[in-house]
Amino acid sequence: MNIGTKKDEDPHSLLWAAVLAVVGWTFLCLVSGYFYVSTEKSRTLELARKEALTVFDKDQAFRHWATSHGRVYVPLTKDTQPNPALSHVPERDIITQRGVRFTMLDPASMMRQIMDKYEELYGVKCRITTLDLLAVDKDNGPAEWAQRAREKFEQGVPEHVEVIDEGGHSWFRLIRPLAMEESCLKCHAAQGEALGEALSGVEVAVSLTPYLAMESRSLWVIYLTHGFFWLFGLLVVAGAFGHGKRRMAERRAHNLEIADSFQKIKFFAYSVSHDLKNPVVAIHGLSKRLERKYGNLLGDKGNQYCRQIVSSAEQISKLVDQINTYISTKEQPLDVEVIDLKDIFAQVRQEHLRALARRSIQWREPEHVPAVSADRLALLRVFRNFIDNALKYGGEGLGNIEIAYADDPHYHIFSVHNDGASLTPEACRKVFELFSREVSNQSISGSGLGLAIVKEIAELHAGKVWSESIGDNGVTFYFAIAKKL
């Protein structure tokens, strides 16, 4: 069962809650912003990689076309001169009948010219490189990049990418090795290269400038939206903090009014109890003396009147005592100590032993109860009131009183069950209120303060009380106190 407790409202706790809310919200916004920024940066690199792979695949397609056709003749131009690597070929250079000079191009030369033209048109750098010379070839860029690429290939990694700064621009560089195919052996067999061997690679360098421009726009959107939501969250926290402060101020003012009213009621109650106590004691004493000295003159009816006056005086005296007890319970600080509940049960049972024996009421209590930290006199008062209540209102059908204990992670929960008269659901809800008594029990003398005192003691121990009554099975009263006070 869930137990609710009252907690004093502290302005510092409200401030700490607001600070924690701001810190938590800021942390969430930072984590979210970091996630989206990282995602956007990864997206930029992925887009550049896709473009580089598209260019690489284009070069691969042309490579396959060129190797499938072998060597081709093209007219001599300023950019296309005879290839020294083909000087051993008898018909490397030819002249047509019209006197036009042609030279032979191998697939590698064709690819280099295509790559140079593609760079001129679209700004994407492409080149074929020899892996054996990759780390030292000055045309292949920084030696560190080249060395890292070669090491990756030697480890079996099929691709190496890096972002580098060159010429005042950022470039996405991708390189993949080229495996020797059967159509390539037409030119490379004489060089001792074997089928499947990867001695060359294709490098593609894509400018990141347009991608970084798109990334910058996206990052600004991320910064602005997260900044907006962060500020909105701060406004919500500030609004909640202000509302909480107003509520706390209102509650403090209300509590001051209650405290002032309580002081007035306490003063009134003490005054009334003092003013009533002396006359009640006098009436009680004089009535008993009157009955004792002049009972033979008063007759039966006169003696009955005297006894009624004595009984009423005793009831008023008990009511005054209960009022004083209720007020002192609210004011008196707890004297917390470790208590053996078996001693409390034994003392209460001994106090009511005659009444229990006279009515043949069975008493049951738990065999094992853990030691609790509480106010001894307060707990003694609690169980006295529960047993008095059972004996007073249980009726003729009362045959059993059972005390039980239930463990809870945060509370000690005790219950006192009696199988006497039951309570209505409405009475179960109101039984712990001041001067609450069931209509059917108005003929039984009582102050209506006993269970209200129990409720105050429970709340002083950071706990609560409640009752249950099902059918004709009597009533069970529950009393819970906090394990840590």
Protein backbone atom coordinates (compact mmCIF):
# COMPACT_ATOMS: atom_id res chain seq x y z
CA MET A 1 0.00 0.00 0.00
CA ASN A 2 1.32 3.45 -0.84
CA ILE A 3 1.85 5.67 2.15
CA GLY A 4 1.76 9.43 1.72
CA THR A 5 3.71 11.72 4.02
CA LYS A 6 3.71 15.45 4.64
CA LYS A 7 6.85 17.31 3.66
CA ASP A 8 7.71 20.80 4.73
CA GLU A 9 8.02 23.06 1.75
CA ASP A 10 11.44 24.67 1.57
CA PRO A 11 12.21 27.60 -0.78
CA HIS A 12 15.69 26.17 -1.25
CA SER A 13 14.26 22.86 -2.45
CA LEU A 14 12.16 24.74 -5.01
CA LEU A 15 15.24 26.65 -6.16
CA TRP A 16 17.27 23.44 -6.39
CA ALA A 17 14.48 21.81 -8.38
CA ALA A 18 14.52 24.75 -10.81
CA VAL A 19 18.32 24.62 -11.09
CA LEU A 20 18.22 20.87 -11.73
CA ALA A 21 15.49 21.37 -14.33
CA VAL A 22 17.59 24.02 -16.12
CA VAL A 23 20.71 21.85 -15.98
CA GLY A 24 18.79 18.79 -17.17
CA TRP A 25 17.08 20.68 -19.99
CA THR A 26 20.39 22.25 -21.06
CA PHE A 27 22.04 18.84 -21.05
CA LEU A 28 19.24 17.35 -23.17
CA CYS A 29 19.46 20.23 -25.66
CA LEU A 30 23.24 19.84 -25.88
CA VAL A 31 22.98 16.08 -26.39
CA SER A 32 20.29 16.56 -29.04
CA GLY A 33 22.30 19.30 -30.75
CA TYR A 34 25.45 17.19 -30.69
CA PHE A 35 23.53 14.27 -32.21
CA TYR A 36 22.05 16.34 -35.03
CA VAL A 37 25.32 18.18 -35.75
CA SER A 38 27.22 14.89 -35.87
CA THR A 39 24.54 13.41 -38.12
CA GLU A 40 24.74 16.41 -40.47
CA LYS A 41 28.53 16.25 -40.66
CA SER A 42 28.38 12.52 -41.34
CA ARG A 43 25.78 13.20 -44.02
CA THR A 44 28.13 15.72 -45.67
CA LEU A 45 30.93 13.17 -45.85
CA GLU A 46 28.57 10.47 -47.07
CA LEU A 47 27.31 12.69 -49.91
CA ALA A 48 30.90 13.47 -50.91
CA ARG A 49 31.76 9.78 -50.77
CA LYS A 50 28.78 8.92 -52.99
CA GLU A 51 29.96 11.45 -55.58
CA ALA A 52 33.49 10.08 -55.39
CA LEU A 53 32.20 6.52 -55.84
CA THR A 54 30.10 7.63 -58.81
CA VAL A 55 33.20 9.07 -60.45
CA PHE A 56 35.19 5.96 -59.59
CA ASP A 57 32.49 3.72 -61.09
CA LYS A 58 32.48 5.89 -64.23
CA ASP A 59 36.25 5.45 -64.54
CA GLN A 60 35.92 1.72 -64.00
CA ALA A 61 33.32 1.45 -66.76
CA PHE A 62 35.54 3.34 -69.17
CA ARG A 63 38.53 1.25 -68.13
CA HIS A 64 36.66 -1.94 -69.02
CA TRP A 65 35.65 -0.45 -72.39
CA ALA A 66 39.23 0.66 -73.13
CA THR A 67 40.86 -2.64 -72.17
CA SER A 68 38.28 -4.56 -74.19
CA HIS A 69 39.32 -2.56 -77.31
CA GLY A 70 43.03 -2.70 -76.54
CA ARG A 71 45.18 0.08 -78.11
CA VAL A 72 43.62 2.70 -80.37
CA TYR A 73 45.04 5.32 -82.79
CA VAL A 74 44.35 9.00 -82.29
CA PRO A 75 45.62 12.05 -84.18
CA LEU A 76 48.75 13.70 -82.84
CA THR A 77 47.99 16.95 -80.98
CA LYS A 78 49.74 19.23 -78.54
CA ASP A 79 48.24 17.23 -75.67
CA THR A 80 48.60 13.80 -77.30
CA GLN A 81 52.18 12.97 -78.13
CA PRO A 82 53.74 9.55 -78.84
CA ASN A 83 53.88 7.41 -75.68
CA PRO A 84 57.51 6.47 -74.83
CA ALA A 85 56.21 3.38 -73.02
CA LEU A 86 55.05 2.04 -76.42
CA SER A 87 58.30 2.72 -78.30
CA HIS A 88 58.88 -1.02 -78.65
CA VAL A 89 55.68 -1.38 -80.69
CA PRO A 90 56.58 -1.30 -84.44
CA GLU A 91 53.43 0.52 -85.56
CA ARG A 92 53.10 2.96 -82.64
CA ASP A 93 52.98 5.91 -85.06
CA ILE A 94 51.36 5.87 -88.50
CA ILE A 95 50.66 8.36 -91.33
CA THR A 96 47.56 8.16 -93.46
CA GLN A 97 47.57 8.57 -97.23
CA ARG A 98 46.47 12.15 -96.72
CA GLY A 99 49.47 12.76 -94.45
CA VAL A 100 47.60 12.85 -91.10
CA ARG A 101 49.79 11.51 -88.29
CA PHE A 102 48.28 9.13 -85.72
CA THR A 103 49.80 7.68 -82.56
CA MET A 104 48.81 4.67 -80.52
CA LEU A 105 47.18 5.13 -77.09
CA ASP A 106 46.99 2.38 -74.48
CA PRO A 107 44.00 2.14 -72.04
CA ALA A 108 45.96 3.81 -69.21
CA SER A 109 46.71 6.85 -71.37
CA MET A 110 43.10 7.07 -72.48
CA MET A 111 41.92 7.02 -68.84
CA ARG A 112 44.37 9.73 -67.84
CA GLN A 113 43.15 12.03 -70.61
CA ILE A 114 39.50 11.38 -69.66
CA MET A 115 40.32 12.11 -66.00
CA ASP A 116 42.11 15.36 -66.87
CA LYS A 117 39.14 16.48 -68.99
CA TYR A 118 36.69 15.56 -66.22
CA GLU A 119 38.70 17.64 -63.73
CA GLU A 120 38.76 20.57 -66.14
CA LEU A 121 34.99 20.42 -66.66
CA TYR A 122 33.69 19.47 -63.21
CA GLY A 123 36.52 20.17 -60.74
CA VAL A 124 36.79 16.55 -59.55
CA LYS A 125 40.37 15.31 -59.47
CA CYS A 126 40.99 11.78 -60.73
CA ARG A 127 44.22 9.90 -61.37
CA ILE A 128 45.75 6.51 -61.67
CA THR A 129 48.67 5.93 -59.35
CA THR A 130 51.23 3.19 -58.91
CA LEU A 131 50.96 1.73 -55.43
CA ASP A 132 54.62 0.83 -55.30
CA LEU A 133 55.46 4.52 -55.59
CA LEU A 134 52.46 5.82 -53.71
CA ALA A 135 54.30 6.87 -50.57
CA VAL A 136 57.04 8.77 -52.39
CA ASP A 137 55.40 10.09 -55.55
CA LYS A 138 55.27 13.90 -55.15
CA ASP A 139 52.27 14.10 -57.49
CA ASN A 140 50.14 12.06 -55.10
CA GLY A 141 50.01 14.64 -52.35
CA PRO A 142 51.24 14.46 -48.76
CA ALA A 143 53.42 11.48 -48.01
CA GLU A 144 51.46 10.85 -44.78
CA TRP A 145 48.18 10.38 -46.65
CA ALA A 146 49.85 8.11 -49.21
CA GLN A 147 51.52 6.02 -46.54
CA ARG A 148 48.26 5.53 -44.61
CA ALA A 149 46.45 4.48 -47.81
CA ARG A 150 49.11 1.90 -48.70
CA GLU A 151 49.04 0.48 -45.15
CA LYS A 152 45.26 0.06 -45.35
CA PHE A 153 45.50 -1.79 -48.66
CA GLU A 154 48.20 -4.05 -47.27
CA GLN A 155 45.79 -4.92 -44.42
CA GLY A 156 43.13 -5.94 -46.95
CA VAL A 157 40.95 -2.82 -46.61
CA PRO A 158 39.35 -2.20 -50.04
CA GLU A 159 39.08 1.58 -49.68
CA HIS A 160 40.71 4.50 -47.90
CA VAL A 161 39.19 7.97 -47.45
CA GLU A 162 40.37 11.14 -45.76
CA VAL A 163 39.51 14.84 -45.65
CA ILE A 164 42.51 17.06 -46.42
CA ASP A 165 43.17 20.76 -46.88
CA GLU A 166 44.92 21.63 -50.10
CA GLY A 167 45.10 24.91 -51.96
CA GLY A 168 42.90 26.67 -49.42
CA HIS A 169 40.08 24.17 -49.94
CA SER A 170 38.91 21.02 -48.21
CA TRP A 171 38.93 17.86 -50.31
CA PHE A 172 37.39 14.46 -49.79
CA ARG A 173 39.95 11.95 -51.09
CA LEU A 174 39.06 8.35 -51.89
CA ILE A 175 41.41 5.73 -53.28
CA ARG A 176 40.74 2.15 -54.27
CA PRO A 177 43.20 -0.39 -55.67
CA LEU A 178 42.93 -1.71 -59.26
CA ALA A 179 43.30 -5.45 -59.64
CA MET A 180 45.06 -6.79 -62.75
CA GLU A 181 42.53 -8.33 -65.15
CA GLU A 182 43.09 -10.60 -68.14
CA SER A 183 42.43 -7.80 -70.65
CA CYS A 184 45.15 -5.73 -68.93
CA LEU A 185 47.83 -8.37 -69.58
CA LYS A 186 48.05 -7.33 -73.26
CA CYS A 187 50.16 -4.38 -72.09
CA HIS A 188 51.40 -5.45 -68.66
CA ALA A 189 52.34 -9.08 -69.17
CA ALA A 190 55.76 -8.02 -70.45
CA GLN A 191 56.31 -6.15 -67.14
CA GLY A 192 55.95 -9.38 -65.16
CA GLU A 193 52.61 -8.47 -63.54
CA ALA A 194 50.30 -11.34 -62.63
CA LEU A 195 46.52 -11.74 -62.92
CA GLY A 196 44.69 -10.39 -59.82
CA GLU A 197 47.69 -8.41 -58.57
CA ALA A 198 46.92 -4.83 -57.45
CA LEU A 199 49.88 -2.58 -58.25
CA SER A 200 47.83 0.45 -59.21
CA GLY A 201 45.00 2.47 -57.68
CA VAL A 202 42.44 5.07 -58.71
CA GLU A 203 42.29 8.20 -56.59
CA VAL A 204 39.29 10.57 -56.62
CA ALA A 205 39.33 13.96 -54.85
CA VAL A 206 35.98 15.76 -54.49
CA SER A 207 35.84 19.39 -53.37
CA LEU A 208 33.87 19.75 -50.12
CA THR A 209 33.14 23.45 -50.69
CA PRO A 210 29.54 23.05 -51.97
CA TYR A 211 28.81 20.34 -49.40
CA LEU A 212 30.19 22.44 -46.57
CA ALA A 213 28.01 25.34 -47.73
CA MET A 214 24.92 23.11 -47.50
CA GLU A 215 26.14 21.77 -44.18
CA SER A 216 26.59 25.31 -42.84
CA ARG A 217 22.99 26.20 -43.71
CA SER A 218 21.72 23.02 -42.05
CA LEU A 219 23.85 23.63 -38.96
CA TRP A 220 22.43 27.13 -38.60
CA VAL A 221 18.92 25.67 -38.66
CA ILE A 222 19.94 23.15 -35.99
CA TYR A 223 21.52 25.86 -33.81
CA LEU A 224 18.53 28.18 -34.14
CA THR A 225 15.88 25.53 -33.48
CA HIS A 226 17.76 24.08 -30.50
CA GLY A 227 18.42 27.57 -29.16
CA PHE A 228 14.73 28.39 -29.49
CA PHE A 229 13.64 25.22 -27.70
CA TRP A 230 16.29 25.76 -25.03
CA LEU A 231 15.04 29.30 -24.36
CA PHE A 232 11.43 28.07 -24.43
CA GLY A 233 12.32 25.43 -21.83
CA LEU A 234 13.98 28.07 -19.64
CA LEU A 235 10.83 30.19 -19.86
CA VAL A 236 8.73 27.19 -18.82
CA VAL A 237 11.04 26.50 -15.86
CA ALA A 238 11.01 30.18 -14.90
CA GLY A 239 7.21 30.23 -15.11
CA ALA A 240 6.92 27.09 -13.01
CA PHE A 241 9.42 28.49 -10.49
CA GLY A 242 7.48 31.75 -10.22
CA HIS A 243 4.20 29.89 -9.86
CA GLY A 244 5.75 27.65 -7.22
CA LYS A 245 7.04 30.65 -5.28
CA ARG A 246 3.61 32.26 -5.34
CA ARG A 247 1.96 29.04 -4.23
CA MET A 248 4.56 28.63 -1.50
CA ALA A 249 4.03 32.21 -0.31
CA GLU A 250 0.27 31.68 -0.27
CA ARG A 251 0.71 28.43 1.61
CA ARG A 252 3.06 30.02 4.12
CA ALA A 253 0.55 32.80 4.71
CA HIS A 254 -2.19 30.21 5.09
CA ASN A 255 -0.07 28.19 7.49
CA LEU A 256 0.62 31.31 9.53
CA GLU A 257 -3.12 31.91 9.74
CA ILE A 258 -3.65 28.31 10.79
CA ALA A 259 -0.86 28.56 13.36
CA ASP A 260 -2.37 31.77 14.72
CA SER A 261 -5.79 30.15 14.84
CA PHE A 262 -4.32 27.10 16.53
CA GLN A 263 -2.67 29.28 19.17
CA LYS A 264 -6.01 30.95 19.83
CA ILE A 265 -7.77 27.59 19.97
CA LYS A 266 -5.08 26.21 22.25
CA PHE A 267 -5.39 29.19 24.57
CA PHE A 268 -9.16 28.85 24.51
CA ALA A 269 -8.95 25.10 25.13
CA TYR A 270 -6.57 25.53 28.04
CA SER A 271 -8.77 28.26 29.45
CA VAL A 272 -11.89 26.19 29.06
CA SER A 273 -10.25 23.07 30.48
CA HIS A 274 -8.92 25.07 33.44
CA ASP A 275 -12.23 26.81 34.01
CA LEU A 276 -14.13 23.52 33.67
CA LYS A 277 -11.79 21.33 35.64
CA ASN A 278 -12.24 23.00 39.01
CA PRO A 279 -16.06 23.18 38.90
CA VAL A 280 -16.25 19.63 37.57
CA VAL A 281 -14.02 18.35 40.36
CA ALA A 282 -16.14 20.27 42.88
CA ILE A 283 -19.39 18.94 41.42
CA HIS A 284 -18.00 15.41 41.37
CA GLY A 285 -16.81 15.60 44.99
CA LEU A 286 -19.91 17.31 46.34
CA SER A 287 -22.25 14.90 44.55
CA LYS A 288 -20.46 11.88 46.01
CA ARG A 289 -20.44 13.50 49.44
CA LEU A 290 -24.11 14.35 49.16
CA GLU A 291 -24.95 10.77 48.24
CA ARG A 292 -22.78 9.37 51.03
CA LYS A 293 -24.04 11.64 53.88
CA TYR A 294 -27.63 12.26 52.86
CA GLY A 295 -28.40 9.29 50.66
CA ASN A 296 -30.93 7.93 53.17
CA LEU A 297 -32.81 11.22 53.02
CA LEU A 298 -32.76 11.57 49.22
CA GLY A 299 -34.48 8.34 48.43
CA ASP A 300 -33.92 6.12 45.39
CA LYS A 301 -34.57 8.81 42.82
CA GLY A 302 -32.35 11.33 44.60
CA ASN A 303 -29.51 8.81 44.81
CA GLN A 304 -29.92 8.02 41.09
CA TYR A 305 -29.67 11.74 40.31
CA CYS A 306 -26.49 11.96 42.35
CA ARG A 307 -24.95 9.02 40.51
CA GLN A 308 -25.86 10.59 37.16
CA ILE A 309 -24.24 13.86 38.22
CA VAL A 310 -21.10 11.98 39.29
CA SER A 311 -21.00 10.08 35.98
CA SER A 312 -21.45 13.25 33.92
CA ALA A 313 -18.78 15.01 35.93
CA GLU A 314 -16.37 12.11 35.30
CA GLN A 315 -17.16 12.22 31.58
CA ILE A 316 -16.52 15.97 31.43
CA SER A 317 -13.27 15.48 33.32
CA LYS A 318 -12.15 12.80 30.84
CA LEU A 319 -13.08 15.08 27.94
CA VAL A 320 -10.98 17.88 29.39
CA ASP A 321 -8.07 15.46 29.82
CA GLN A 322 -8.44 14.25 26.23
CA ILE A 323 -8.46 17.83 24.91
CA ASN A 324 -5.26 18.54 26.84
CA THR A 325 -3.74 15.29 25.53
CA TYR A 326 -4.65 16.15 21.90
CA ILE A 327 -3.11 19.61 22.17
CA SER A 328 0.03 18.33 23.88
CA THR A 329 0.38 15.64 21.21
CA LYS A 330 0.53 18.29 18.47
CA GLU A 331 3.07 20.39 20.39
CA GLN A 332 5.30 17.97 22.22
CA PRO A 333 8.48 16.99 20.28
CA LEU A 334 9.16 13.30 19.71
CA ASP A 335 11.52 11.49 22.03
CA VAL A 336 12.75 8.91 19.51
CA GLU A 337 14.35 5.73 20.82
CA VAL A 338 14.65 2.10 19.76
CA ILE A 339 11.60 0.25 21.08
CA ASP A 340 10.75 -3.42 21.51
CA LEU A 341 7.08 -3.52 20.53
CA LYS A 342 6.56 -6.75 22.50
CA ASP A 343 6.97 -4.68 25.70
CA ILE A 344 4.33 -2.21 24.48
CA PHE A 345 1.92 -5.02 23.64
CA ALA A 346 2.48 -6.67 27.02
CA GLN A 347 1.88 -3.44 28.95
CA VAL A 348 -1.35 -2.63 27.04
CA ARG A 349 -2.58 -6.20 27.46
CA GLN A 350 -1.87 -6.09 31.20
CA GLU A 351 -3.78 -2.83 31.55
CA HIS A 352 -6.86 -4.39 29.91
CA LEU A 353 -6.48 -7.90 31.32
CA ARG A 354 -9.59 -7.75 33.53
CA ALA A 355 -11.83 -6.46 30.74
CA LEU A 356 -10.50 -9.09 28.33
CA ALA A 357 -11.00 -11.91 30.83
CA ARG A 358 -14.45 -10.69 31.90
CA ARG A 359 -15.70 -10.73 28.30
CA SER A 360 -13.70 -13.83 27.26
CA ILE A 361 -11.93 -11.91 24.48
CA GLN A 362 -9.01 -13.65 22.78
CA TRP A 363 -5.81 -11.61 22.42
CA ARG A 364 -3.42 -12.28 19.54
CA GLU A 365 -0.17 -10.55 18.67
CA PRO A 366 2.69 -11.32 16.24
CA GLU A 367 5.47 -13.57 17.52
CA HIS A 368 8.23 -11.57 15.87
CA VAL A 369 8.24 -7.79 15.51
CA PRO A 370 11.38 -5.83 14.56
CA ALA A 371 12.62 -3.09 16.83
CA VAL A 372 11.38 0.33 15.73
CA SER A 373 12.61 3.88 16.27
CA ALA A 374 9.77 5.93 17.71
CA ASP A 375 8.44 7.75 20.75
CA ARG A 376 7.64 5.10 23.39
CA LEU A 377 4.88 7.02 25.19
CA ALA A 378 3.29 7.99 21.87
CA LEU A 379 3.12 4.35 20.67
CA LEU A 380 1.82 3.24 24.04
CA ARG A 381 -0.95 5.83 23.68
CA VAL A 382 -1.73 4.60 20.15
CA PHE A 383 -2.28 0.95 21.11
CA ARG A 384 -4.15 1.94 24.27
CA ASN A 385 -6.58 3.97 22.18
CA PHE A 386 -7.04 1.14 19.65
CA ILE A 387 -7.79 -1.40 22.41
CA ASP A 388 -10.04 1.04 24.32
CA ASN A 389 -11.90 1.74 21.09
CA ALA A 390 -12.40 -1.99 20.44
CA LEU A 391 -13.64 -2.69 23.97
CA LYS A 392 -15.89 0.35 23.99
CA TYR A 393 -17.48 0.05 20.54
CA GLY A 394 -16.99 -3.64 19.68
CA GLY A 395 -20.32 -4.60 21.19
CA GLU A 396 -21.45 -7.94 22.57
CA GLY A 397 -20.13 -9.81 19.53
CA LEU A 398 -16.53 -8.90 20.24
CA GLY A 399 -14.51 -12.09 20.74
CA ASN A 400 -11.09 -11.46 19.24
CA ILE A 401 -8.54 -8.65 19.16
CA GLU A 402 -5.54 -9.26 16.92
CA ILE A 403 -2.46 -7.09 16.49
CA ALA A 404 -0.46 -7.71 13.29
CA TYR A 405 2.67 -6.33 11.62
CA ALA A 406 3.44 -5.87 7.90
CA ASP A 407 6.81 -4.88 6.50
CA ASP A 408 7.26 -2.21 3.84
CA PRO A 409 10.46 -0.84 2.25
CA HIS A 410 9.91 2.53 3.95
CA TYR A 411 7.35 1.98 6.73
CA HIS A 412 6.46 -0.13 9.75
CA ILE A 413 2.77 -0.95 9.33
CA PHE A 414 0.73 -2.18 12.32
CA SER A 415 -2.89 -3.24 12.33
CA VAL A 416 -5.37 -3.87 15.14
CA HIS A 417 -8.35 -5.99 14.15
CA ASN A 418 -11.43 -6.64 16.26
CA ASP A 419 -14.32 -8.85 15.18
CA GLY A 420 -16.95 -6.76 16.90
CA ALA A 421 -19.30 -4.20 15.35
CA SER A 422 -18.44 -3.11 11.81
CA LEU A 423 -18.23 0.42 10.44
CA THR A 424 -19.87 1.90 7.39
CA PRO A 425 -17.57 3.08 4.55
CA GLU A 426 -18.41 6.66 5.46
CA ALA A 427 -17.47 6.05 9.09
CA CYS A 428 -14.17 4.44 7.99
CA ARG A 429 -13.26 7.63 6.17
CA LYS A 430 -14.18 9.93 9.09
CA VAL A 431 -13.30 7.86 12.14
CA PHE A 432 -9.95 9.63 12.66
CA GLU A 433 -11.44 13.14 12.53
CA LEU A 434 -11.92 15.28 15.62
CA PHE A 435 -15.04 14.40 17.66
CA SER A 436 -16.06 11.82 15.06
CA ARG A 437 -18.47 9.20 16.38
CA GLU A 438 -20.89 6.86 14.66
CA VAL A 439 -24.58 7.75 15.07
CA SER A 440 -25.38 4.26 16.34
CA ASN A 441 -22.80 4.64 19.12
CA GLN A 442 -23.94 7.97 20.51
CA SER A 443 -25.29 6.23 23.61
CA ILE A 444 -21.76 5.06 24.50
CA SER A 445 -19.74 7.60 26.44
CA GLY A 446 -16.67 8.88 24.66
CA SER A 447 -14.89 12.08 23.69
CA GLY A 448 -14.33 11.38 19.98
CA LEU A 449 -10.69 12.37 20.37
CA GLY A 450 -8.94 9.03 20.86
CA LEU A 451 -8.45 8.13 17.19
CA ALA A 452 -7.77 11.77 16.28
CA ILE A 453 -4.83 11.59 18.71
CA VAL A 454 -3.67 8.40 16.96
CA LYS A 455 -3.73 10.23 13.63
CA GLU A 456 -1.63 13.09 15.01
CA ILE A 457 0.94 10.65 16.42
CA ALA A 458 1.17 8.85 13.06
CA GLU A 459 1.76 12.11 11.19
CA LEU A 460 4.41 13.16 13.72
CA HIS A 461 6.16 9.87 12.84
CA ALA A 462 5.91 10.70 9.08
CA GLY A 463 3.19 8.10 8.57
CA LYS A 464 -0.58 7.83 8.34
CA VAL A 465 -3.61 5.89 9.57
CA TRP A 466 -6.59 4.32 7.86
CA SER A 467 -9.31 1.77 8.59
CA GLU A 468 -11.12 -1.03 6.77
CA SER A 469 -14.39 -2.75 7.53
CA ILE A 470 -15.76 -5.46 5.23
CA GLY A 471 -19.16 -7.02 5.89
CA ASP A 472 -19.65 -8.35 9.39
CA ASN A 473 -15.97 -9.13 9.97
CA GLY A 474 -15.42 -6.24 12.34
CA VAL A 475 -12.94 -3.39 11.89
CA THR A 476 -9.21 -3.21 11.16
CA PHE A 477 -7.29 -0.07 12.06
CA TYR A 478 -3.91 0.53 10.38
CA PHE A 479 -1.08 2.60 11.82
CA ALA A 480 2.07 3.27 9.73
CA ILE A 481 5.25 5.07 10.81
CA ALA A 482 8.37 5.83 8.80
CA LYS A 483 11.41 3.60 9.29
CA LYS A 484 13.74 6.59 9.10
CA LEU A 485 12.84 9.63 11.18
